[in-house]
Protein backbone atom coordinates (compact mmCIF):
# COMPACT_ATOMS: atom_id res chain seq x y z
CA MET A 1 -12.13 25.29 -8.24
CA LYS A 2 -13.83 24.22 -5.01
CA HIS A 3 -15.01 20.99 -6.63
CA TYR A 4 -11.45 19.96 -7.35
CA ILE A 5 -10.05 20.53 -3.85
CA TRP A 6 -9.46 16.81 -3.24
CA ALA A 7 -7.66 16.41 -6.56
CA ILE A 8 -5.51 19.47 -5.82
CA LEU A 9 -4.69 18.18 -2.34
CA TRP A 10 -3.76 14.79 -3.80
CA ALA A 11 -1.56 16.45 -6.45
CA VAL A 12 0.30 18.34 -3.71
CA ILE A 13 0.82 15.07 -1.80
CA VAL A 14 2.14 13.42 -4.97
CA LEU A 15 4.52 16.34 -5.56
CA VAL A 16 5.82 16.14 -1.99
CA LEU A 17 6.33 12.38 -2.20
CA CYS A 18 8.02 12.65 -5.61
CA SER A 19 10.39 15.28 -4.25
CA MET A 20 11.58 13.19 -1.31
CA PRO A 21 14.97 11.49 -1.57
CA SER A 22 14.58 7.74 -2.03
CA GLU A 23 16.68 7.15 1.08
CA THR A 24 13.79 8.44 3.21
CA THR A 25 11.79 5.34 2.29
CA ASP A 26 14.48 2.80 3.20
CA ASP A 27 12.31 1.48 6.06
CA VAL A 28 9.45 0.66 3.68
CA PRO A 29 9.54 -2.94 2.41
CA LYS A 30 10.29 -3.01 -1.30
CA PHE A 31 10.05 -5.45 -4.17
CA PRO A 32 11.06 -5.09 -7.83
CA GLY A 33 8.62 -2.80 -9.61
CA ILE A 34 7.10 -1.19 -6.51
CA ASP A 35 8.07 2.22 -7.89
CA LYS A 36 5.94 1.66 -10.99
CA LEU A 37 3.06 0.34 -8.88
CA VAL A 38 3.20 3.47 -6.73
CA HIS A 39 3.17 5.72 -9.81
CA THR A 40 0.19 3.82 -11.20
CA GLY A 41 -1.66 4.19 -7.91
CA PHE A 42 -0.86 7.90 -7.62
CA PHE A 43 -2.33 8.65 -11.02
CA PHE A 44 -5.30 6.32 -10.64
CA VAL A 45 -6.34 8.22 -7.50
CA LEU A 46 -5.65 11.58 -9.15
CA THR A 47 -7.79 10.68 -12.16
CA VAL A 48 -10.67 9.44 -10.01
CA LEU A 49 -10.55 12.62 -7.92
CA LEU A 50 -10.53 14.76 -11.06
CA TYR A 51 -13.62 12.92 -12.30
CA TYR A 52 -15.23 13.38 -8.89
CA GLY A 53 -14.64 17.12 -9.17
CA ALA A 54 -15.99 17.23 -12.72
CA ILE A 55 -19.12 15.30 -11.73
CA ARG A 56 -19.77 17.74 -8.90
CA ARG A 57 -18.94 20.82 -10.98
CA TYR A 58 -21.15 19.93 -13.92
CA ASP A 59 -23.76 18.13 -11.77
CA THR A 60 -23.91 15.18 -14.11
CA PHE A 61 -23.38 11.46 -13.96
CA ARG A 62 -23.47 11.00 -17.71
CA PRO A 63 -20.16 10.09 -19.31
CA SER A 64 -18.64 12.98 -21.22
CA TRP A 65 -15.88 12.64 -23.80
CA LEU A 66 -14.92 16.27 -23.34
CA ILE A 67 -14.41 15.76 -19.61
CA SER A 68 -12.42 12.58 -20.30
CA ILE A 69 -10.16 14.34 -22.80
CA ARG A 70 -9.54 17.23 -20.40
CA ILE A 71 -8.72 14.91 -17.52
CA THR A 72 -6.45 12.76 -19.70
CA VAL A 73 -4.51 15.80 -20.90
CA LEU A 74 -4.30 17.28 -17.40
CA SER A 75 -3.10 14.00 -15.90
CA PHE A 76 -0.51 13.54 -18.63
CA LEU A 77 0.77 17.11 -18.22
CA PHE A 78 1.02 16.58 -14.46
CA ALA A 79 2.95 13.36 -15.08
CA LEU A 80 5.34 15.20 -17.40
CA PHE A 81 5.70 17.94 -14.78
CA THR A 82 6.62 15.48 -12.01
CA GLU A 83 9.17 13.74 -14.21
CA TYR A 84 10.62 17.08 -15.29
CA LEU A 85 10.99 18.10 -11.65
CA GLN A 86 12.78 14.83 -10.89
CA TRP A 87 15.05 15.36 -13.87
CA LYS A 88 15.96 19.04 -13.38
CA ILE A 89 15.13 20.09 -9.80
CA PHE A 90 15.21 17.00 -7.59
CA THR A 91 18.39 15.63 -9.13
CA TYR A 92 18.72 13.08 -6.31
CA ARG A 93 15.69 11.44 -7.98
CA SER A 94 15.70 10.08 -11.50
CA ALA A 95 13.34 10.86 -14.34
CA ASP A 96 12.20 7.71 -16.09
CA ALA A 97 10.11 7.09 -19.18
CA TRP A 98 8.74 3.94 -17.51
CA ASP A 99 7.45 6.10 -14.65
CA LEU A 100 5.63 8.18 -17.24
CA PHE A 101 4.20 4.97 -18.71
CA ALA A 102 3.06 3.84 -15.24
CA ASP A 103 1.43 7.25 -14.75
CA ALA A 104 -0.43 6.79 -18.04
CA VAL A 105 -1.55 3.30 -16.99
CA GLY A 106 -2.93 4.72 -13.72
CA THR A 107 -4.74 7.44 -15.64
CA GLY A 108 -6.16 4.85 -18.02
CA MET A 109 -7.38 2.76 -15.09
CA GLY A 110 -9.11 5.82 -13.64
CA ILE A 111 -10.79 6.59 -16.96
CA PHE A 112 -11.90 2.97 -17.26
CA ALA A 113 -13.37 3.06 -13.74
CA TYR A 114 -15.27 6.25 -14.58
CA LEU A 115 -16.66 4.89 -17.82
CA LEU A 116 -17.57 1.57 -16.23
CA LEU A 117 -19.29 3.05 -13.19
CA HIS A 118 -20.95 6.00 -14.90
CA ASN A 119 -21.99 4.28 -18.08
CA THR A 120 -24.90 2.72 -16.20
CA TYR A 121 -27.01 5.89 -16.01
CA GLY A 122 -29.71 4.43 -18.24
CA VAL A 123 -29.70 0.93 -16.73
CA GLU A 124 -32.64 -0.05 -14.58
CA PRO A 125 -31.58 -1.12 -11.04
CA ALA A 126 -31.69 -4.89 -10.46
CA SER A 127 -34.18 -4.60 -7.58
CA GLN A 128 -36.60 -2.66 -9.77
CA HIS A 129 -36.15 -5.17 -12.61
CA GLN A 130 -37.02 -8.07 -10.26
CA ASN A 131 -40.15 -6.25 -9.05
CA ASN A 132 -41.34 -5.78 -12.63
CA ASN A 133 -40.98 -9.51 -13.39
CA THR A 134 -43.04 -10.69 -10.42
């Protein structure tokens, strides 16, 4: 659990922000679609922090499909939970299938970043490669 403290803290922040009435952000400049961009960003950060926790917990940098599946499911369930709360509890907010889609896009971006950055475990560093060629 200690490895996931940043992800848990971020999830709490997301819950607090998703529970706030939209009128509290009237001072923030807005443009069409900013809500979806914010949802995407929330879940990108959450996914990256979940991967960070998994890397520390399992002490590995190798990509793992099992970890990716767990994080995908957890992120999607959290997205469903936030939308459910906005639908049933925070009725001054609106639940939206497009928000859920934006959450999934953010999760997908986080998974892509993990696979891209951690799929290089067997690649020789460029500086070492240059030294071998000289």
